C-alpha atoms as a PDB file:
ATOM      1  CA  MET A   1     -74.140  83.952 -24.279  1.00  0.00           C
ATOM      2  CA  ARG A   2     -75.281  87.223 -22.346  1.00  0.00           C
ATOM      3  CA  LEU A   3     -76.068  90.528 -24.438  1.00  0.00           C
ATOM      4  CA  ARG A   4     -76.667  93.853 -23.642  1.00  0.00           C
ATOM      5  CA  VAL A   5     -78.811  96.289 -25.786  1.00  0.00           C
ATOM      6  CA  GLU A   6     -78.652  99.899 -25.527  1.00  0.00           C
ATOM      7  CA  PHE A   7     -81.340 101.670 -27.553  1.00  0.00           C
ATOM      8  CA  THR A   8     -83.452 105.205 -28.436  1.00  0.00           C
ATOM      9  CA  THR A   9     -86.364 105.844 -30.544  1.00  0.00           C
ATOM     10  CA  GLU A  10     -86.982 109.141 -32.451  1.00  0.00           C
ATOM     11  CA  PRO A  11     -88.267 111.537 -32.925  1.00  0.00           C
ATOM     12  CA  PHE A  12     -87.573 112.958 -29.412  1.00  0.00           C
ATOM     13  CA  ASP A  13     -90.503 115.082 -27.554  1.00  0.00           C
ATOM     14  CA  LEU A  14     -88.896 116.903 -24.335  1.00  0.00           C
ATOM     15  CA  ASP A  15     -92.342 117.776 -23.113  1.00  0.00           C
ATOM     16  CA  GLU A  16     -94.227 114.130 -23.209  1.00  0.00           C
ATOM     17  CA  ALA A  17     -92.886 110.887 -24.128  1.00  0.00           C
ATOM     18  CA  PRO A  18     -94.180 109.651 -27.380  1.00  0.00           C
ATOM     19  CA  ALA A  19     -95.925 106.656 -28.188  1.00  0.00           C
ATOM     20  CA  HIS A  20     -92.858 104.804 -29.363  1.00  0.00           C
ATOM     21  CA  ALA A  21     -91.147 105.810 -26.352  1.00  0.00           C
ATOM     22  CA  LEU A  22     -93.666 104.610 -24.204  1.00  0.00           C
ATOM     23  CA  VAL A  23     -94.110 101.047 -26.248  1.00  0.00           C
ATOM     24  CA  ALA A  24     -90.245 100.601 -26.164  1.00  0.00           C
ATOM     25  CA  ARG A  25     -90.129 100.596 -22.520  1.00  0.00           C
ATOM     26  CA  ALA A  26     -93.096  98.443 -22.153  1.00  0.00           C
ATOM     27  CA  VAL A  27     -91.652  95.663 -24.373  1.00  0.00           C
ATOM     28  CA  VAL A  28     -88.230  95.416 -22.378  1.00  0.00           C
ATOM     29  CA  GLU A  29     -90.030  95.898 -19.075  1.00  0.00           C
ATOM     30  CA  ALA A  30     -92.302  92.960 -20.155  1.00  0.00           C
ATOM     31  CA  ALA A  31     -89.565  90.757 -21.573  1.00  0.00           C
ATOM     32  CA  GLU A  32     -87.499  88.124 -19.675  1.00  0.00           C
ATOM     33  CA  LEU A  33     -84.536  90.277 -19.026  1.00  0.00           C
ATOM     34  CA  ASP A  34     -82.285  90.243 -16.269  1.00  0.00           C
ATOM     35  CA  ALA A  35     -81.662  94.048 -15.990  1.00  0.00           C
ATOM     36  CA  VAL A  36     -83.519  97.081 -17.574  1.00  0.00           C
ATOM     37  CA  ASP A  37     -82.445 100.560 -17.353  1.00  0.00           C
ATOM     38  CA  VAL A  38     -84.945 103.053 -19.044  1.00  0.00           C
ATOM     39  CA  GLY A  39     -84.172 106.878 -19.004  1.00  0.00           C
ATOM     40  CA  PRO A  40     -85.122 109.945 -20.875  1.00  0.00           C
ATOM     41  CA  PHE A  41     -82.129 109.846 -23.519  1.00  0.00           C
ATOM     42  CA  GLY A  42     -81.184 105.866 -23.416  1.00  0.00           C
ATOM     43  CA  ASN A  43     -82.161 102.723 -22.520  1.00  0.00           C
ATOM     44  CA  THR A  44     -80.554  99.278 -21.660  1.00  0.00           C
ATOM     45  CA  ALA A  45     -81.472  95.812 -20.980  1.00  0.00           C
ATOM     46  CA  GLU A  46     -79.340  92.670 -20.202  1.00  0.00           C
ATOM     47  CA  GLY A  47     -80.154  88.768 -20.350  1.00  0.00           C
ATOM     48  CA  GLY A  48     -79.567  85.761 -21.992  1.00  0.00           C
ATOM     49  CA  ALA A  49     -79.284  85.839 -25.871  1.00  0.00           C
ATOM     50  CA  ASP A  50     -82.504  84.511 -26.513  1.00  0.00           C
ATOM     51  CA  ALA A  51     -84.433  86.650 -24.421  1.00  0.00           C
ATOM     52  CA  VAL A  52     -82.692  89.973 -25.656  1.00  0.00           C
ATOM     53  CA  LEU A  53     -82.815  89.053 -29.317  1.00  0.00           C
ATOM     54  CA  THR A  54     -86.513  88.242 -29.028  1.00  0.00           C
ATOM     55  CA  ALA A  55     -87.129  91.625 -26.896  1.00  0.00           C
ATOM     56  CA  VAL A  56     -85.190  93.701 -29.798  1.00  0.00           C
ATOM     57  CA  ASP A  57     -87.281  91.956 -32.598  1.00  0.00           C
ATOM     58  CA  THR A  58     -90.461  92.767 -30.571  1.00  0.00           C
ATOM     59  CA  LEU A  59     -89.071  96.404 -29.734  1.00  0.00           C
ATOM     60  CA  LEU A  60     -88.332  97.535 -33.375  1.00  0.00           C
ATOM     61  CA  ARG A  61     -91.706  96.245 -34.614  1.00  0.00           C
ATOM     62  CA  LYS A  62     -93.834  97.808 -32.186  1.00  0.00           C
ATOM     63  CA  ALA A  63     -91.618 101.305 -31.961  1.00  0.00           C
ATOM     64  CA  LEU A  64     -92.103 101.406 -35.707  1.00  0.00           C
ATOM     65  CA  GLU A  65     -95.647 100.700 -35.424  1.00  0.00           C
ATOM     66  CA  ALA A  66     -96.064 103.280 -32.985  1.00  0.00           C
ATOM     67  CA  GLY A  67     -94.544 106.061 -35.143  1.00  0.00           C
ATOM     68  CA  ALA A  68     -90.765 105.881 -34.445  1.00  0.00           C
ATOM     69  CA  THR A  69     -88.857 107.214 -37.549  1.00  0.00           C
ATOM     70  CA  ARG A  70     -85.484 105.933 -35.903  1.00  0.00           C
ATOM     71  CA  VAL A  71     -84.407 103.285 -33.687  1.00  0.00           C
ATOM     72  CA  SER A  72     -80.989 103.297 -32.972  1.00  0.00           C
ATOM     73  CA  LEU A  73     -79.455 100.312 -31.034  1.00  0.00           C
ATOM     74  CA  GLN A  74     -76.091  98.588 -30.154  1.00  0.00           C
ATOM     75  CA  VAL A  75     -75.941  95.180 -29.002  1.00  0.00           C
ATOM     76  CA  ASN A  76     -72.913  94.010 -26.847  1.00  0.00           C
ATOM     77  CA  VAL A  77     -71.533  90.253 -25.719  1.00  0.00           C
ATOM     78  CA  ILE A  78     -71.197  90.731 -22.324  1.00  0.00           C
ATOM     79  CA  GLY A  79     -70.503  87.382 -21.173  1.00  0.00           C
ATOM     80  CA  GLU A  80     -70.828  83.692 -21.385  1.00  0.00           C
ATOM     81  CA  GLY A  81     -73.434  81.768 -19.714  1.00  0.00           C
ATOM     82  CA  ASP A  82     -77.227  80.699 -19.913  1.00  0.00           C
ATOM     83  CA  ARG A  83     -78.970  80.827 -23.625  1.00  0.00           C
END
């Protein structure tokens, strides 16, 4: 099964990327995912179910530890295939 996760971390800071946003970016960029798109108002990542779910767990833990007060995310099944 293949998954896509879309996520944002808050609070926003338009002048400088907050620590929780930088940590979240580092987590998805280091994960074994097939596609990662990081932007100022939202981020997406795609890959096998195990890789995406592992990245989501790490992302939630690290972003909250780094000061995020909210993490909004959506996970969608985008296809069948490698686990």
